[in-house]
Amino acid sequence: MPYTVTLVNLENVSAAQREAMEQIFRATLEKLFGGPEGVVAAWQACLAEREAQKTDTFTLNAVTLGGAASRWDLMSAMARRTALEGWEGPADDVRFDVAA
């Protein structure tokens, strides 16, 4: 299943650096989730859980025991850290948007 990764809020980065960081982020996610299909499935499960949380009662189980959103947040944070490794500029607001 195809999906896209877009680096957002990183100033003074060349197109080549941006593309390399997006590729590293993507490759790390695919390693963590077992390939592109795993990334898309995890992302869709995360979105579904977050949508359900808008109307459902927030549960401790969803946060601490491996809910889809919690798992996505952890794995994408790991991928973000890997992709930005070596970047010397400010990166506080930097994120990678995923669309599937």
C-alpha atoms as a PDB file:
ATOM      1  CA  MET A   1       0.000   0.000   0.000  1.00  0.00           C
ATOM      2  CA  PRO A   2       1.419   3.368  -0.896  1.00  0.00           C
ATOM      3  CA  TYR A   3       1.900   6.127   1.632  1.00  0.00           C
ATOM      4  CA  THR A   4       3.785   9.399   1.703  1.00  0.00           C
ATOM      5  CA  VAL A   5       6.092  10.995   4.225  1.00  0.00           C
ATOM      6  CA  THR A   6       6.590  14.755   4.296  1.00  0.00           C
ATOM      7  CA  LEU A   7       9.090  16.589   6.474  1.00  0.00           C
ATOM      8  CA  VAL A   8       7.479  19.688   7.986  1.00  0.00           C
ATOM      9  CA  ASN A   9       8.848  22.726   9.849  1.00  0.00           C
ATOM     10  CA  LEU A  10      12.545  22.300   9.154  1.00  0.00           C
ATOM     11  CA  GLU A  11      14.141  25.474   7.865  1.00  0.00           C
ATOM     12  CA  ASN A  12      17.411  25.829   5.980  1.00  0.00           C
ATOM     13  CA  VAL A  13      17.412  22.283   4.693  1.00  0.00           C
ATOM     14  CA  SER A  14      18.272  21.478   1.105  1.00  0.00           C
ATOM     15  CA  ALA A  15      15.974  19.415  -1.081  1.00  0.00           C
ATOM     16  CA  ALA A  16      18.515  16.570  -0.993  1.00  0.00           C
ATOM     17  CA  GLN A  17      18.725  16.672   2.816  1.00  0.00           C
ATOM     18  CA  ARG A  18      14.939  16.771   3.097  1.00  0.00           C
ATOM     19  CA  GLU A  19      14.560  13.786   0.801  1.00  0.00           C
ATOM     20  CA  ALA A  20      17.244  11.838   2.682  1.00  0.00           C
ATOM     21  CA  MET A  21      15.565  12.517   6.037  1.00  0.00           C
ATOM     22  CA  GLU A  22      12.174  11.477   4.666  1.00  0.00           C
ATOM     23  CA  GLN A  23      13.702   8.253   3.314  1.00  0.00           C
ATOM     24  CA  ILE A  24      15.377   7.480   6.651  1.00  0.00           C
ATOM     25  CA  PHE A  25      12.107   8.112   8.493  1.00  0.00           C
ATOM     26  CA  ARG A  26      10.247   5.862   6.055  1.00  0.00           C
ATOM     27  CA  ALA A  27      12.854   3.089   6.202  1.00  0.00           C
ATOM     28  CA  THR A  28      12.876   3.161  10.001  1.00  0.00           C
ATOM     29  CA  LEU A  29       9.081   2.962  10.201  1.00  0.00           C
ATOM     30  CA  GLU A  30       9.060   0.058   7.759  1.00  0.00           C
ATOM     31  CA  LYS A  31      11.648  -1.787   9.818  1.00  0.00           C
ATOM     32  CA  LEU A  32       9.665  -1.210  13.013  1.00  0.00           C
ATOM     33  CA  PHE A  33       6.258  -2.085  11.523  1.00  0.00           C
ATOM     34  CA  GLY A  34       7.318  -4.897   9.191  1.00  0.00           C
ATOM     35  CA  GLY A  35       7.164  -3.184   5.808  1.00  0.00           C
ATOM     36  CA  PRO A  36       5.009  -0.631   3.993  1.00  0.00           C
ATOM     37  CA  GLU A  37       1.797  -2.565   4.630  1.00  0.00           C
ATOM     38  CA  GLY A  38       2.564  -2.618   8.351  1.00  0.00           C
ATOM     39  CA  VAL A  39       3.149   1.139   8.375  1.00  0.00           C
ATOM     40  CA  VAL A  40      -0.158   1.822   6.627  1.00  0.00           C
ATOM     41  CA  ALA A  41      -2.038  -0.579   8.910  1.00  0.00           C
ATOM     42  CA  ALA A  42      -0.492   0.976  12.039  1.00  0.00           C
ATOM     43  CA  TRP A  43      -1.213   4.515  10.817  1.00  0.00           C
ATOM     44  CA  GLN A  44      -4.836   3.666   9.997  1.00  0.00           C
ATOM     45  CA  ALA A  45      -5.303   1.951  13.378  1.00  0.00           C
ATOM     46  CA  CYS A  46      -3.842   5.013  15.100  1.00  0.00           C
ATOM     47  CA  LEU A  47      -6.205   7.346  13.260  1.00  0.00           C
ATOM     48  CA  ALA A  48      -9.191   5.115  14.039  1.00  0.00           C
ATOM     49  CA  GLU A  49      -8.291   4.974  17.723  1.00  0.00           C
ATOM     50  CA  ARG A  50      -7.851   8.742  17.930  1.00  0.00           C
ATOM     51  CA  GLU A  51     -11.187   9.272  16.196  1.00  0.00           C
ATOM     52  CA  ALA A  52     -12.874   6.882  18.632  1.00  0.00           C
ATOM     53  CA  GLN A  53     -11.290   8.692  21.571  1.00  0.00           C
ATOM     54  CA  LYS A  54     -13.070  11.873  20.537  1.00  0.00           C
ATOM     55  CA  THR A  55     -16.382  10.312  21.546  1.00  0.00           C
ATOM     56  CA  ASP A  56     -15.352   7.505  23.899  1.00  0.00           C
ATOM     57  CA  THR A  57     -14.065   7.703  27.420  1.00  0.00           C
ATOM     58  CA  PHE A  58     -10.305   8.008  27.575  1.00  0.00           C
ATOM     59  CA  THR A  59      -8.826   4.807  28.993  1.00  0.00           C
ATOM     60  CA  LEU A  60      -5.536   4.226  30.724  1.00  0.00           C
ATOM     61  CA  ASN A  61      -5.314   0.928  28.816  1.00  0.00           C
ATOM     62  CA  ALA A  62      -5.110   2.710  25.459  1.00  0.00           C
ATOM     63  CA  VAL A  63      -2.150   4.782  26.635  1.00  0.00           C
ATOM     64  CA  THR A  64      -0.119   2.410  28.771  1.00  0.00           C
ATOM     65  CA  LEU A  65      -0.791  -1.038  27.387  1.00  0.00           C
ATOM     66  CA  GLY A  66      -0.001  -0.605  23.731  1.00  0.00           C
ATOM     67  CA  GLY A  67      -2.980   1.082  22.165  1.00  0.00           C
ATOM     68  CA  ALA A  68      -2.588   1.798  18.449  1.00  0.00           C
ATOM     69  CA  ALA A  69      -2.025   5.541  18.949  1.00  0.00           C
ATOM     70  CA  SER A  70       0.454   4.953  21.740  1.00  0.00           C
ATOM     71  CA  ARG A  71       2.364   2.444  19.632  1.00  0.00           C
ATOM     72  CA  TRP A  72       2.381   4.771  16.605  1.00  0.00           C
ATOM     73  CA  ASP A  73       3.613   7.698  18.708  1.00  0.00           C
ATOM     74  CA  LEU A  74       6.479   5.645  20.140  1.00  0.00           C
ATOM     75  CA  MET A  75       7.578   4.175  16.811  1.00  0.00           C
ATOM     76  CA  SER A  76       7.308   7.463  14.918  1.00  0.00           C
ATOM     77  CA  ALA A  77       9.312   9.219  17.653  1.00  0.00           C
ATOM     78  CA  MET A  78      12.040   6.617  17.196  1.00  0.00           C
ATOM     79  CA  ALA A  79      11.947   7.118  13.419  1.00  0.00           C
ATOM     80  CA  ARG A  80      12.029  10.916  13.847  1.00  0.00           C
ATOM     81  CA  ARG A  81      15.059  10.717  16.113  1.00  0.00           C
ATOM     82  CA  THR A  82      16.839   8.447  13.618  1.00  0.00           C
ATOM     83  CA  ALA A  83      16.000  10.684  10.641  1.00  0.00           C
ATOM     84  CA  LEU A  84      17.194  13.846  12.381  1.00  0.00           C
ATOM     85  CA  GLU A  85      20.378  12.307  13.730  1.00  0.00           C
ATOM     86  CA  GLY A  86      23.261  14.608  12.892  1.00  0.00           C
ATOM     87  CA  TRP A  87      21.059  17.644  12.140  1.00  0.00           C
ATOM     88  CA  GLU A  88      22.708  20.611  13.828  1.00  0.00           C
ATOM     89  CA  GLY A  89      19.953  23.204  13.579  1.00  0.00           C
ATOM     90  CA  PRO A  90      16.835  23.693  15.681  1.00  0.00           C
ATOM     91  CA  ALA A  91      14.370  20.828  15.385  1.00  0.00           C
ATOM     92  CA  ASP A  92      11.841  21.372  18.170  1.00  0.00           C
ATOM     93  CA  ASP A  93       8.815  21.821  15.885  1.00  0.00           C
ATOM     94  CA  VAL A  94       9.935  19.393  13.203  1.00  0.00           C
ATOM     95  CA  ARG A  95       7.570  16.585  12.320  1.00  0.00           C
ATOM     96  CA  PHE A  96       7.060  14.016   9.629  1.00  0.00           C
ATOM     97  CA  ASP A  97       3.531  13.887   8.242  1.00  0.00           C
ATOM     98  CA  VAL A  98       2.322  10.517   7.009  1.00  0.00           C
ATOM     99  CA  ALA A  99      -0.532  10.166   4.551  1.00  0.00           C
ATOM    100  CA  ALA A 100      -1.965   6.831   3.484  1.00  0.00           C
END
